[in-house]
């Protein structure tokens, strides 16, 4: 069974980005997370990460529709 909550380093591995990029996404509010424990360690709920990924797919599809690939003119 997969854990419900992920460390930021686990999220970074899932997204193939750096730990600092995930920290920035969490601190900016882009990726929902919670702080737990006496030292306030960040955790991301797996379901929130999946929602985030689906949101990024939708945003990317919208961007692609608005920025169609055009043929290059021959040299």
N, C-alpha and C. Protein backbone atom coordinates (compact mmCIF):
# COMPACT_ATOMS: atom_id res chain seq x y z
N UNK A 1 0.84 -1.18 0.00
CA UNK A 1 0.00 0.00 0.00
C UNK A 1 0.88 1.25 0.00
N UNK A 2 0.54 2.20 -0.85
CA UNK A 2 1.32 3.43 -0.94
C UNK A 2 0.97 4.36 0.22
N UNK A 3 1.95 5.12 0.71
CA UNK A 3 1.65 6.06 1.80
C UNK A 3 0.74 7.18 1.32
N UNK A 4 -0.09 7.66 2.25
CA UNK A 4 -1.01 8.76 1.91
C UNK A 4 -0.24 10.07 1.70
N UNK A 5 0.79 10.30 2.51
CA UNK A 5 1.54 11.55 2.45
C UNK A 5 2.96 11.30 1.96
N UNK A 6 3.46 12.23 1.18
CA UNK A 6 4.79 12.13 0.59
C UNK A 6 5.71 13.22 1.13
N UNK A 7 6.98 12.89 1.28
CA UNK A 7 8.00 13.89 1.56
C UNK A 7 8.19 14.75 0.31
N UNK A 8 8.71 15.96 0.50
CA UNK A 8 8.98 16.80 -0.68
C UNK A 8 9.98 16.12 -1.60
N UNK A 9 10.93 15.39 -1.04
CA UNK A 9 11.90 14.69 -1.87
C UNK A 9 11.23 13.59 -2.70
N UNK A 10 10.20 12.95 -2.13
CA UNK A 10 9.44 11.94 -2.89
C UNK A 10 8.68 12.59 -4.05
N UNK A 11 8.11 13.76 -3.78
CA UNK A 11 7.40 14.50 -4.83
C UNK A 11 8.38 14.90 -5.93
N UNK A 12 9.55 15.36 -5.53
CA UNK A 12 10.57 15.75 -6.52
C UNK A 12 10.93 14.56 -7.41
N UNK A 13 11.06 13.40 -6.81
CA UNK A 13 11.37 12.19 -7.59
C UNK A 13 10.23 11.87 -8.55
N UNK A 14 9.00 11.93 -8.06
CA UNK A 14 7.83 11.65 -8.91
C UNK A 14 7.77 12.58 -10.11
N UNK A 15 8.07 13.86 -9.89
CA UNK A 15 7.96 14.86 -10.96
C UNK A 15 9.26 15.04 -11.74
N UNK A 16 10.32 14.37 -11.28
CA UNK A 16 11.64 14.47 -11.91
C UNK A 16 12.13 15.93 -11.94
N UNK A 17 12.00 16.59 -10.79
CA UNK A 17 12.49 17.95 -10.61
C UNK A 17 13.31 17.99 -9.32
N UNK A 18 13.91 19.12 -9.02
CA UNK A 18 14.73 19.23 -7.81
C UNK A 18 13.86 19.42 -6.57
N UNK A 19 14.45 19.10 -5.43
CA UNK A 19 13.77 19.33 -4.15
C UNK A 19 13.42 20.81 -3.98
N UNK A 20 14.34 21.69 -4.40
CA UNK A 20 14.09 23.12 -4.24
C UNK A 20 12.93 23.60 -5.11
N UNK A 21 12.75 22.99 -6.28
CA UNK A 21 11.61 23.36 -7.13
C UNK A 21 10.30 22.97 -6.44
N UNK A 22 10.26 21.80 -5.83
CA UNK A 22 9.06 21.37 -5.13
C UNK A 22 8.81 22.28 -3.93
N UNK A 23 9.85 22.63 -3.20
CA UNK A 23 9.70 23.53 -2.05
C UNK A 23 9.09 24.86 -2.50
N UNK A 24 9.57 25.38 -3.62
CA UNK A 24 9.03 26.64 -4.15
C UNK A 24 7.56 26.47 -4.54
N UNK A 25 7.20 25.35 -5.17
CA UNK A 25 5.81 25.12 -5.57
C UNK A 25 4.90 25.07 -4.34
N UNK A 26 5.40 24.46 -3.26
CA UNK A 26 4.62 24.37 -2.03
C UNK A 26 4.50 25.74 -1.36
N UNK A 27 5.63 26.44 -1.22
CA UNK A 27 5.63 27.74 -0.54
C UNK A 27 4.82 28.79 -1.30
N UNK A 28 4.77 28.68 -2.62
CA UNK A 28 4.00 29.64 -3.42
C UNK A 28 2.50 29.31 -3.42
N UNK A 29 2.15 28.12 -2.94
CA UNK A 29 0.75 27.71 -2.95
C UNK A 29 0.34 26.99 -4.22
N UNK A 30 1.26 26.82 -5.15
CA UNK A 30 0.96 26.14 -6.41
C UNK A 30 0.60 24.67 -6.17
N UNK A 31 1.30 24.04 -5.23
CA UNK A 31 1.06 22.64 -4.88
C UNK A 31 0.63 22.58 -3.42
N UNK A 32 -0.61 22.14 -3.15
CA UNK A 32 -1.10 22.09 -1.76
C UNK A 32 -0.27 21.12 -0.91
N UNK A 33 0.03 21.55 0.31
CA UNK A 33 0.79 20.73 1.24
C UNK A 33 0.42 21.12 2.67
N UNK A 34 0.86 20.30 3.61
CA UNK A 34 0.65 20.60 5.02
C UNK A 34 1.99 20.56 5.74
N UNK A 35 2.05 21.27 6.87
CA UNK A 35 3.22 21.21 7.75
C UNK A 35 2.81 20.41 8.98
N UNK A 36 3.64 19.44 9.34
CA UNK A 36 3.33 18.62 10.51
C UNK A 36 4.55 18.50 11.40
N UNK A 37 4.31 18.10 12.62
CA UNK A 37 5.38 17.84 13.56
C UNK A 37 5.94 19.11 14.18
N UNK A 38 6.74 18.91 15.20
CA UNK A 38 7.33 20.02 15.93
C UNK A 38 8.24 20.89 15.09
N UNK A 39 8.89 20.30 14.12
CA UNK A 39 9.79 21.07 13.25
C UNK A 39 9.11 21.55 11.98
N UNK A 40 7.83 21.30 11.85
CA UNK A 40 7.07 21.79 10.70
C UNK A 40 7.52 21.22 9.38
N UNK A 41 7.60 19.91 9.30
CA UNK A 41 8.03 19.27 8.06
C UNK A 41 6.87 19.23 7.06
N UNK A 42 7.17 19.51 5.81
CA UNK A 42 6.16 19.55 4.76
C UNK A 42 5.81 18.14 4.30
N UNK A 43 4.51 17.94 4.02
CA UNK A 43 4.02 16.70 3.43
C UNK A 43 2.98 17.05 2.37
N UNK A 44 3.01 16.28 1.29
CA UNK A 44 2.05 16.45 0.20
C UNK A 44 1.20 15.19 0.13
N UNK A 45 -0.09 15.36 0.18
CA UNK A 45 -0.99 14.22 0.07
C UNK A 45 -0.95 13.68 -1.36
N UNK A 46 -0.84 12.38 -1.48
CA UNK A 46 -0.73 11.75 -2.81
C UNK A 46 -1.87 12.18 -3.73
N UNK A 47 -3.10 12.26 -3.20
CA UNK A 47 -4.24 12.65 -4.04
C UNK A 47 -4.09 14.09 -4.54
N UNK A 48 -3.50 14.97 -3.72
CA UNK A 48 -3.27 16.36 -4.14
C UNK A 48 -2.22 16.42 -5.23
N UNK A 49 -1.21 15.57 -5.13
CA UNK A 49 -0.18 15.51 -6.17
C UNK A 49 -0.81 15.05 -7.49
N UNK A 50 -1.66 14.05 -7.43
CA UNK A 50 -2.32 13.56 -8.65
C UNK A 50 -3.22 14.63 -9.25
N UNK A 51 -3.94 15.38 -8.40
CA UNK A 51 -4.76 16.49 -8.89
C UNK A 51 -3.89 17.55 -9.55
N UNK A 52 -2.75 17.84 -8.94
CA UNK A 52 -1.82 18.82 -9.49
C UNK A 52 -1.33 18.38 -10.87
N UNK A 53 -0.98 17.12 -10.99
CA UNK A 53 -0.51 16.60 -12.28
C UNK A 53 -1.60 16.72 -13.33
N UNK A 54 -2.84 16.35 -13.00
CA UNK A 54 -3.94 16.47 -13.95
C UNK A 54 -4.17 17.92 -14.35
N UNK A 55 -4.05 18.83 -13.39
CA UNK A 55 -4.20 20.27 -13.68
C UNK A 55 -3.12 20.72 -14.66
N UNK A 56 -1.90 20.25 -14.48
CA UNK A 56 -0.81 20.63 -15.37
C UNK A 56 -1.03 20.07 -16.78
N UNK A 57 -1.58 18.85 -16.87
CA UNK A 57 -1.92 18.30 -18.18
C UNK A 57 -2.95 19.19 -18.88
N UNK A 58 -3.97 19.62 -18.14
CA UNK A 58 -5.01 20.48 -18.72
C UNK A 58 -4.43 21.82 -19.15
N UNK A 59 -3.58 22.42 -18.30
CA UNK A 59 -2.96 23.70 -18.65
C UNK A 59 -2.07 23.56 -19.87
N UNK A 60 -1.34 22.47 -19.96
CA UNK A 60 -0.46 22.25 -21.10
C UNK A 60 -1.27 22.06 -22.38
N UNK A 61 -2.36 21.30 -22.30
CA UNK A 61 -3.21 21.09 -23.48
C UNK A 61 -3.79 22.42 -23.95
N UNK A 62 -4.21 23.26 -23.01
CA UNK A 62 -4.74 24.58 -23.37
C UNK A 62 -3.66 25.42 -24.05
N UNK A 63 -2.45 25.37 -23.51
CA UNK A 63 -1.34 26.13 -24.09
C UNK A 63 -1.04 25.64 -25.51
N UNK A 64 -1.04 24.34 -25.70
CA UNK A 64 -0.76 23.76 -27.02
C UNK A 64 -1.82 24.20 -28.02
N UNK A 65 -3.09 24.20 -27.58
CA UNK A 65 -4.16 24.65 -28.49
C UNK A 65 -3.97 26.11 -28.88
N UNK A 66 -3.50 26.92 -27.97
CA UNK A 66 -3.31 28.34 -28.25
C UNK A 66 -2.00 28.67 -28.95
N UNK A 67 -1.11 27.70 -29.02
CA UNK A 67 0.20 27.91 -29.64
C UNK A 67 0.51 26.75 -30.58
N UNK A 68 -0.23 26.67 -31.68
CA UNK A 68 -0.05 25.52 -32.59
C UNK A 68 1.35 25.51 -33.20
N UNK A 69 1.82 24.31 -33.44
CA UNK A 69 3.11 24.12 -34.08
C UNK A 69 2.97 24.50 -35.55
N UNK A 70 3.84 25.36 -36.02
CA UNK A 70 3.77 25.78 -37.42
C UNK A 70 4.94 25.19 -38.18
N UNK A 71 4.71 24.96 -39.43
CA UNK A 71 5.76 24.44 -40.29
C UNK A 71 6.83 25.51 -40.51
N UNK A 72 8.06 25.09 -40.51
CA UNK A 72 9.15 26.02 -40.81
C UNK A 72 9.27 26.18 -42.31
N UNK A 73 9.57 27.37 -42.71
CA UNK A 73 9.79 27.61 -44.15
C UNK A 73 11.14 27.04 -44.52
N UNK A 74 11.23 26.46 -45.75
CA UNK A 74 12.51 25.93 -46.18
C UNK A 74 13.56 27.03 -46.31
N UNK A 75 14.78 26.67 -46.03
CA UNK A 75 15.88 27.65 -46.12
C UNK A 75 16.18 28.08 -47.52
